């Protein structure tokens, strides 16, 4: 589940939910991790992270 620097750099920006390419949600494991760690994100970014992660988990892209 841990991304290497090289693997992370290959993920399109559209597959990140947080500011500055934080909170990758490129797959279900990372979407779940984003939801578990959402409290470490700025409060203003949390709705976007939550929506993007839940969207991926429910099959919405």
N, C-alpha and C. Protein backbone atom coordinates (compact mmCIF):
# COMPACT_ATOMS: atom_id res chain seq x y z
N UNK A 1 0.82 -1.19 0.00
CA UNK A 1 0.00 0.00 0.00
C UNK A 1 0.87 1.26 0.00
N UNK A 2 2.05 1.18 0.58
CA UNK A 2 2.92 2.34 0.62
C UNK A 2 3.42 2.63 -0.78
N UNK A 3 3.30 3.89 -1.17
CA UNK A 3 3.76 4.30 -2.50
C UNK A 3 5.21 4.75 -2.44
N UNK A 4 5.97 4.31 -3.43
CA UNK A 4 7.32 4.83 -3.56
C UNK A 4 7.23 6.21 -4.19
N UNK A 5 8.29 6.97 -4.10
CA UNK A 5 8.31 8.30 -4.70
C UNK A 5 8.07 8.21 -6.20
N UNK A 6 8.66 7.22 -6.83
CA UNK A 6 8.49 7.03 -8.28
C UNK A 6 7.04 6.69 -8.63
N UNK A 7 6.45 5.77 -7.88
CA UNK A 7 5.06 5.38 -8.15
C UNK A 7 4.11 6.55 -7.91
N UNK A 8 4.36 7.30 -6.84
CA UNK A 8 3.51 8.44 -6.53
C UNK A 8 3.57 9.50 -7.63
N UNK A 9 4.75 9.72 -8.18
CA UNK A 9 4.90 10.75 -9.21
C UNK A 9 4.19 10.37 -10.51
N UNK A 10 3.93 9.08 -10.70
CA UNK A 10 3.25 8.61 -11.92
C UNK A 10 1.73 8.70 -11.83
N UNK A 11 1.21 8.94 -10.62
CA UNK A 11 -0.24 9.04 -10.45
C UNK A 11 -0.69 10.43 -10.93
N UNK A 12 -1.71 10.49 -11.78
CA UNK A 12 -2.20 11.79 -12.26
C UNK A 12 -2.73 12.64 -11.10
N UNK A 13 -2.56 13.93 -11.20
CA UNK A 13 -3.03 14.86 -10.17
C UNK A 13 -4.52 14.68 -9.90
N UNK A 14 -5.28 14.30 -10.89
CA UNK A 14 -6.72 14.10 -10.71
C UNK A 14 -7.05 12.96 -9.76
N UNK A 15 -6.08 12.11 -9.46
CA UNK A 15 -6.29 10.98 -8.55
C UNK A 15 -5.89 11.30 -7.11
N UNK A 16 -5.68 12.59 -6.82
CA UNK A 16 -5.39 13.04 -5.46
C UNK A 16 -6.57 13.86 -4.98
N UNK A 17 -6.88 13.76 -3.69
CA UNK A 17 -8.04 14.47 -3.16
C UNK A 17 -7.68 15.69 -2.33
N UNK A 18 -6.48 15.74 -1.80
CA UNK A 18 -6.10 16.84 -0.93
C UNK A 18 -5.26 17.88 -1.64
N UNK A 19 -4.97 18.96 -0.96
CA UNK A 19 -4.15 20.02 -1.55
C UNK A 19 -2.71 19.55 -1.78
N UNK A 20 -2.08 20.09 -2.80
CA UNK A 20 -0.68 19.79 -3.10
C UNK A 20 -0.41 18.30 -3.30
N UNK A 21 -1.30 17.65 -4.04
CA UNK A 21 -1.15 16.22 -4.35
C UNK A 21 -1.07 15.36 -3.09
N UNK A 22 -1.83 15.73 -2.08
CA UNK A 22 -1.90 14.90 -0.88
C UNK A 22 -3.13 14.01 -0.95
N UNK A 23 -3.16 13.01 -0.17
CA UNK A 23 -4.26 12.06 -0.10
C UNK A 23 -4.55 11.41 -1.45
N UNK A 24 -3.66 10.52 -1.90
CA UNK A 24 -3.93 9.79 -3.14
C UNK A 24 -5.16 8.90 -2.97
N UNK A 25 -6.02 8.92 -3.95
CA UNK A 25 -7.19 8.04 -3.97
C UNK A 25 -7.23 7.33 -5.32
N UNK A 26 -6.10 6.74 -5.68
CA UNK A 26 -5.97 6.08 -6.96
C UNK A 26 -6.51 4.66 -6.96
N UNK A 27 -6.78 4.12 -5.78
CA UNK A 27 -7.38 2.79 -5.68
C UNK A 27 -8.15 2.70 -4.36
N UNK A 28 -8.85 1.58 -4.17
CA UNK A 28 -9.71 1.46 -2.98
C UNK A 28 -8.92 1.47 -1.68
N UNK A 29 -7.74 0.86 -1.67
CA UNK A 29 -6.94 0.86 -0.43
C UNK A 29 -6.54 2.27 -0.04
N UNK A 30 -6.14 3.08 -1.02
CA UNK A 30 -5.72 4.45 -0.71
C UNK A 30 -6.94 5.33 -0.38
N UNK A 31 -8.07 5.04 -0.97
CA UNK A 31 -9.29 5.78 -0.61
C UNK A 31 -9.68 5.51 0.84
N UNK A 32 -9.59 4.24 1.25
CA UNK A 32 -9.88 3.89 2.64
C UNK A 32 -8.88 4.57 3.58
N UNK A 33 -7.61 4.57 3.20
CA UNK A 33 -6.58 5.21 4.02
C UNK A 33 -6.84 6.71 4.14
N UNK A 34 -7.27 7.33 3.05
CA UNK A 34 -7.56 8.76 3.09
C UNK A 34 -8.69 9.06 4.07
N UNK A 35 -9.70 8.22 4.09
CA UNK A 35 -10.82 8.42 5.02
C UNK A 35 -10.37 8.20 6.47
N UNK A 36 -9.48 7.25 6.68
CA UNK A 36 -9.00 6.98 8.03
C UNK A 36 -8.10 8.10 8.55
N UNK A 37 -7.42 8.79 7.64
CA UNK A 37 -6.46 9.83 8.04
C UNK A 37 -6.98 11.24 7.76
N UNK A 38 -8.27 11.36 7.50
CA UNK A 38 -8.83 12.64 7.07
C UNK A 38 -8.66 13.76 8.10
N UNK A 39 -8.58 13.43 9.37
CA UNK A 39 -8.45 14.47 10.39
C UNK A 39 -7.09 15.16 10.36
N UNK A 40 -6.13 14.61 9.65
CA UNK A 40 -4.83 15.28 9.53
C UNK A 40 -4.84 16.31 8.39
N UNK A 41 -5.90 16.34 7.62
CA UNK A 41 -6.03 17.30 6.52
C UNK A 41 -6.61 18.61 7.04
N UNK A 42 -6.34 19.70 6.34
CA UNK A 42 -6.98 20.97 6.72
C UNK A 42 -8.50 20.81 6.66
N UNK A 43 -9.19 21.44 7.57
CA UNK A 43 -10.65 21.31 7.64
C UNK A 43 -11.32 21.69 6.31
N UNK A 44 -10.77 22.67 5.62
CA UNK A 44 -11.37 23.10 4.35
C UNK A 44 -11.23 22.05 3.25
N UNK A 45 -10.27 21.14 3.37
CA UNK A 45 -10.04 20.12 2.34
C UNK A 45 -10.82 18.84 2.61
N UNK A 46 -11.30 18.66 3.81
CA UNK A 46 -11.95 17.40 4.19
C UNK A 46 -13.18 17.04 3.37
N UNK A 47 -14.07 17.98 3.04
CA UNK A 47 -15.23 17.59 2.22
C UNK A 47 -14.83 17.02 0.86
N UNK A 48 -13.83 17.61 0.22
CA UNK A 48 -13.38 17.12 -1.08
C UNK A 48 -12.75 15.73 -0.95
N UNK A 49 -11.93 15.56 0.07
CA UNK A 49 -11.28 14.26 0.29
C UNK A 49 -12.34 13.20 0.54
N UNK A 50 -13.28 13.51 1.43
CA UNK A 50 -14.34 12.57 1.76
C UNK A 50 -15.16 12.20 0.51
N UNK A 51 -15.54 13.19 -0.27
CA UNK A 51 -16.36 12.94 -1.46
C UNK A 51 -15.62 12.11 -2.49
N UNK A 52 -14.36 12.45 -2.73
CA UNK A 52 -13.59 11.74 -3.75
C UNK A 52 -13.31 10.30 -3.31
N UNK A 53 -12.96 10.10 -2.05
CA UNK A 53 -12.70 8.75 -1.56
C UNK A 53 -13.96 7.90 -1.55
N UNK A 54 -15.06 8.46 -1.05
CA UNK A 54 -16.31 7.71 -1.02
C UNK A 54 -16.82 7.42 -2.43
N UNK A 55 -16.59 8.36 -3.35
CA UNK A 55 -16.96 8.14 -4.74
C UNK A 55 -16.24 6.96 -5.34
N UNK A 56 -14.94 6.87 -5.08
CA UNK A 56 -14.16 5.75 -5.60
C UNK A 56 -14.62 4.44 -4.97
N UNK A 57 -14.88 4.47 -3.68
CA UNK A 57 -15.30 3.26 -2.99
C UNK A 57 -16.69 2.78 -3.43
N UNK A 58 -17.54 3.70 -3.85
CA UNK A 58 -18.88 3.30 -4.30
C UNK A 58 -18.94 3.05 -5.80
N UNK A 59 -17.81 3.21 -6.47
CA UNK A 59 -17.77 2.92 -7.90
C UNK A 59 -17.92 4.14 -8.79
N UNK A 60 -18.11 5.31 -8.19
CA UNK A 60 -18.20 6.56 -8.96
C UNK A 60 -16.79 7.08 -9.15
N UNK A 61 -16.47 7.51 -10.34
CA UNK A 61 -15.11 8.01 -10.58
C UNK A 61 -15.07 9.50 -10.53
